[in-house]
Amino acid sequence: MKVKEGRATSVSHVEYEILGELIESVDIESLHEIMVDDDVTGKRWESGAQNVLLLLENMRERRRHRLKPNHPDYRRKE
């Protein structure tokens, strides 16, 4: 687990860091083993897992401009 420096500066900051931790650290392999047992369920798994990853990445990206300007991941809203 990567520990971020600094205190929680806003609710958006907390949400941003939690989403990053979920994307980087949550292991879903045990769920994969339960749900996938053939090619069809494997394709469903890949599609569903990719959809969830894109959803989490989008949620995280939408919070980036609300970080404090001194945060390393801060980007101005375009």
N, C-alpha and C. Protein backbone atom coordinates (compact mmCIF):
# COMPACT_ATOMS: atom_id res chain seq x y z
N MET A 1 0.85 -1.18 0.00
CA MET A 1 0.00 0.00 0.00
C MET A 1 0.89 1.24 0.00
N LYS A 2 0.62 2.15 -0.91
CA LYS A 2 1.35 3.41 -0.97
C LYS A 2 0.73 4.38 0.01
N VAL A 3 1.53 4.92 0.90
CA VAL A 3 1.03 5.91 1.85
C VAL A 3 1.31 7.29 1.28
N LYS A 4 0.27 8.09 1.19
CA LYS A 4 0.41 9.45 0.67
C LYS A 4 0.79 10.38 1.81
N GLU A 5 1.66 11.32 1.51
CA GLU A 5 2.03 12.30 2.51
C GLU A 5 0.96 13.37 2.60
N GLY A 6 0.83 13.94 3.76
CA GLY A 6 -0.08 15.06 3.93
C GLY A 6 -1.43 14.65 4.49
N ARG A 7 -2.06 15.62 5.07
CA ARG A 7 -3.35 15.39 5.69
C ARG A 7 -4.47 15.57 4.68
N ALA A 8 -5.65 15.10 5.05
CA ALA A 8 -6.82 15.25 4.19
C ALA A 8 -7.19 16.73 4.12
N THR A 9 -7.03 17.31 2.96
CA THR A 9 -7.27 18.75 2.83
C THR A 9 -8.69 19.08 2.42
N SER A 10 -9.43 18.08 1.92
CA SER A 10 -10.83 18.29 1.54
C SER A 10 -11.49 16.92 1.35
N VAL A 11 -12.79 16.93 1.26
CA VAL A 11 -13.51 15.69 1.00
C VAL A 11 -13.10 15.14 -0.37
N SER A 12 -12.97 16.02 -1.36
CA SER A 12 -12.55 15.58 -2.69
C SER A 12 -11.16 14.94 -2.66
N HIS A 13 -10.28 15.49 -1.84
CA HIS A 13 -8.94 14.91 -1.69
C HIS A 13 -9.04 13.50 -1.14
N VAL A 14 -9.85 13.31 -0.12
CA VAL A 14 -10.04 11.98 0.46
C VAL A 14 -10.61 11.02 -0.58
N GLU A 15 -11.63 11.45 -1.30
CA GLU A 15 -12.25 10.61 -2.33
C GLU A 15 -11.22 10.23 -3.39
N TYR A 16 -10.42 11.20 -3.82
CA TYR A 16 -9.39 10.97 -4.84
C TYR A 16 -8.40 9.90 -4.39
N GLU A 17 -7.93 10.02 -3.17
CA GLU A 17 -6.94 9.07 -2.65
C GLU A 17 -7.55 7.68 -2.43
N ILE A 18 -8.79 7.61 -1.95
CA ILE A 18 -9.46 6.31 -1.77
C ILE A 18 -9.64 5.63 -3.12
N LEU A 19 -10.09 6.36 -4.12
CA LEU A 19 -10.26 5.77 -5.44
C LEU A 19 -8.93 5.26 -6.00
N GLY A 20 -7.87 6.01 -5.79
CA GLY A 20 -6.54 5.56 -6.22
C GLY A 20 -6.12 4.28 -5.51
N GLU A 21 -6.39 4.21 -4.24
CA GLU A 21 -6.05 3.01 -3.48
C GLU A 21 -6.86 1.81 -3.96
N LEU A 22 -8.13 2.01 -4.25
CA LEU A 22 -8.96 0.92 -4.78
C LEU A 22 -8.42 0.43 -6.12
N ILE A 23 -8.07 1.35 -6.99
CA ILE A 23 -7.56 0.98 -8.31
C ILE A 23 -6.24 0.22 -8.19
N GLU A 24 -5.35 0.70 -7.34
CA GLU A 24 -4.01 0.13 -7.25
C GLU A 24 -3.89 -1.11 -6.39
N SER A 25 -4.73 -1.26 -5.37
CA SER A 25 -4.45 -2.27 -4.35
C SER A 25 -5.48 -3.37 -4.15
N VAL A 26 -6.70 -3.17 -4.58
CA VAL A 26 -7.72 -4.19 -4.31
C VAL A 26 -7.52 -5.38 -5.24
N ASP A 27 -7.37 -6.54 -4.63
CA ASP A 27 -7.17 -7.79 -5.37
C ASP A 27 -8.51 -8.49 -5.53
N ILE A 28 -8.93 -8.68 -6.77
CA ILE A 28 -10.22 -9.32 -7.03
C ILE A 28 -10.05 -10.72 -7.60
N GLU A 29 -8.85 -11.27 -7.47
CA GLU A 29 -8.56 -12.60 -8.02
C GLU A 29 -9.44 -13.69 -7.40
N SER A 30 -9.70 -13.62 -6.10
CA SER A 30 -10.54 -14.65 -5.47
C SER A 30 -11.96 -14.60 -6.00
N LEU A 31 -12.46 -13.41 -6.29
CA LEU A 31 -13.79 -13.28 -6.88
C LEU A 31 -13.77 -13.82 -8.31
N HIS A 32 -12.69 -13.57 -9.04
CA HIS A 32 -12.54 -14.11 -10.39
C HIS A 32 -12.62 -15.63 -10.36
N GLU A 33 -11.94 -16.24 -9.42
CA GLU A 33 -11.95 -17.71 -9.32
C GLU A 33 -13.34 -18.26 -9.08
N ILE A 34 -14.17 -17.54 -8.34
CA ILE A 34 -15.53 -17.99 -8.05
C ILE A 34 -16.43 -17.81 -9.27
N MET A 35 -16.28 -16.70 -9.97
CA MET A 35 -17.23 -16.33 -11.02
C MET A 35 -16.91 -16.86 -12.41
N VAL A 36 -15.64 -17.21 -12.67
CA VAL A 36 -15.24 -17.59 -14.02
C VAL A 36 -14.92 -19.08 -14.06
N ASP A 37 -15.63 -19.79 -14.94
CA ASP A 37 -15.34 -21.22 -15.09
C ASP A 37 -15.32 -21.71 -16.54
N ASP A 38 -15.47 -20.78 -17.50
CA ASP A 38 -15.37 -21.15 -18.91
C ASP A 38 -15.09 -19.89 -19.73
N ASP A 39 -15.02 -20.06 -21.05
CA ASP A 39 -14.70 -18.93 -21.93
C ASP A 39 -15.75 -17.82 -21.87
N VAL A 40 -17.01 -18.21 -21.80
CA VAL A 40 -18.09 -17.22 -21.79
C VAL A 40 -18.03 -16.37 -20.53
N THR A 41 -17.92 -17.02 -19.37
CA THR A 41 -17.86 -16.25 -18.13
C THR A 41 -16.55 -15.47 -18.05
N GLY A 42 -15.49 -15.97 -18.68
CA GLY A 42 -14.22 -15.24 -18.73
C GLY A 42 -14.36 -13.95 -19.51
N LYS A 43 -15.06 -14.00 -20.64
CA LYS A 43 -15.28 -12.79 -21.43
C LYS A 43 -16.16 -11.80 -20.68
N ARG A 44 -17.18 -12.32 -20.00
CA ARG A 44 -18.04 -11.45 -19.18
C ARG A 44 -17.22 -10.78 -18.09
N TRP A 45 -16.36 -11.56 -17.45
CA TRP A 45 -15.52 -11.02 -16.38
C TRP A 45 -14.63 -9.90 -16.91
N GLU A 46 -13.94 -10.15 -18.01
CA GLU A 46 -13.04 -9.14 -18.58
C GLU A 46 -13.78 -7.86 -18.91
N SER A 47 -14.95 -8.00 -19.51
CA SER A 47 -15.75 -6.83 -19.87
C SER A 47 -16.22 -6.07 -18.63
N GLY A 48 -16.75 -6.80 -17.67
CA GLY A 48 -17.24 -6.17 -16.44
C GLY A 48 -16.13 -5.52 -15.64
N ALA A 49 -15.00 -6.21 -15.52
CA ALA A 49 -13.86 -5.67 -14.76
C ALA A 49 -13.33 -4.41 -15.43
N GLN A 50 -13.25 -4.42 -16.75
CA GLN A 50 -12.78 -3.23 -17.48
C GLN A 50 -13.74 -2.07 -17.29
N ASN A 51 -15.05 -2.34 -17.32
CA ASN A 51 -16.04 -1.29 -17.11
C ASN A 51 -15.90 -0.66 -15.73
N VAL A 52 -15.70 -1.48 -14.72
CA VAL A 52 -15.56 -0.96 -13.35
C VAL A 52 -14.27 -0.15 -13.22
N LEU A 53 -13.18 -0.63 -13.82
CA LEU A 53 -11.92 0.12 -13.77
C LEU A 53 -12.09 1.49 -14.43
N LEU A 54 -12.73 1.52 -15.59
CA LEU A 54 -12.95 2.80 -16.27
C LEU A 54 -13.83 3.73 -15.43
N LEU A 55 -14.82 3.17 -14.77
CA LEU A 55 -15.68 3.96 -13.89
C LEU A 55 -14.89 4.58 -12.75
N LEU A 56 -14.06 3.76 -12.10
CA LEU A 56 -13.24 4.27 -10.99
C LEU A 56 -12.24 5.32 -11.46
N GLU A 57 -11.59 5.07 -12.61
CA GLU A 57 -10.63 6.04 -13.13
C GLU A 57 -11.32 7.35 -13.49
N ASN A 58 -12.52 7.27 -14.05
CA ASN A 58 -13.27 8.48 -14.39
C ASN A 58 -13.66 9.24 -13.13
N MET A 59 -14.11 8.53 -12.11
CA MET A 59 -14.48 9.18 -10.85
C MET A 59 -13.26 9.89 -10.25
N ARG A 60 -12.11 9.23 -10.31
CA ARG A 60 -10.89 9.83 -9.76
C ARG A 60 -10.49 11.06 -10.56
N GLU A 61 -10.52 10.94 -11.88
CA GLU A 61 -10.11 12.06 -12.74
C GLU A 61 -10.99 13.28 -12.53
N ARG A 62 -12.29 13.07 -12.28
CA ARG A 62 -13.21 14.20 -12.07
C ARG A 62 -12.94 14.93 -10.76
N ARG A 63 -12.13 14.38 -9.90
CA ARG A 63 -11.77 15.05 -8.65
C ARG A 63 -10.41 15.72 -8.71
N ARG A 64 -9.63 15.44 -9.73
CA ARG A 64 -8.25 15.94 -9.83
C ARG A 64 -8.17 17.46 -9.76
N HIS A 65 -9.06 18.17 -10.43
CA HIS A 65 -8.98 19.64 -10.46
C HIS A 65 -9.40 20.26 -9.12
N ARG A 66 -10.00 19.45 -8.25
CA ARG A 66 -10.42 19.98 -6.94
C ARG A 66 -9.37 19.77 -5.86
N LEU A 67 -8.26 19.13 -6.22
CA LEU A 67 -7.15 18.98 -5.28
C LEU A 67 -6.50 20.34 -5.05
N LYS A 68 -5.77 20.45 -3.97
CA LYS A 68 -5.02 21.69 -3.73
C LYS A 68 -3.91 21.81 -4.79
N PRO A 69 -3.62 23.03 -5.22
CA PRO A 69 -2.60 23.22 -6.28
C PRO A 69 -1.23 22.64 -5.94
N ASN A 70 -0.91 22.46 -4.67
CA ASN A 70 0.39 21.90 -4.31
C ASN A 70 0.40 20.37 -4.30
N HIS A 71 -0.74 19.73 -4.57
CA HIS A 71 -0.80 18.27 -4.65
C HIS A 71 -0.09 17.84 -5.94
N PRO A 72 0.74 16.79 -5.89
CA PRO A 72 1.47 16.37 -7.09
C PRO A 72 0.59 15.97 -8.27
N ASP A 73 -0.64 15.55 -8.03
CA ASP A 73 -1.52 15.13 -9.11
C ASP A 73 -2.50 16.21 -9.57
N TYR A 74 -2.40 17.38 -8.98
CA TYR A 74 -3.32 18.47 -9.32
C TYR A 74 -3.21 18.85 -10.80
N ARG A 75 -4.36 19.06 -11.42
CA ARG A 75 -4.42 19.61 -12.78
C ARG A 75 -5.57 20.61 -12.83
N ARG A 76 -5.31 21.73 -13.48
CA ARG A 76 -6.38 22.73 -13.62
C ARG A 76 -7.50 22.18 -14.48
N LYS A 77 -8.71 22.60 -14.17
CA LYS A 77 -9.87 22.21 -14.97
C LYS A 77 -9.80 22.94 -16.31
N GLU A 78 -10.05 22.20 -17.37
CA GLU A 78 -10.00 22.82 -18.70
C GLU A 78 -11.35 23.29 -19.13
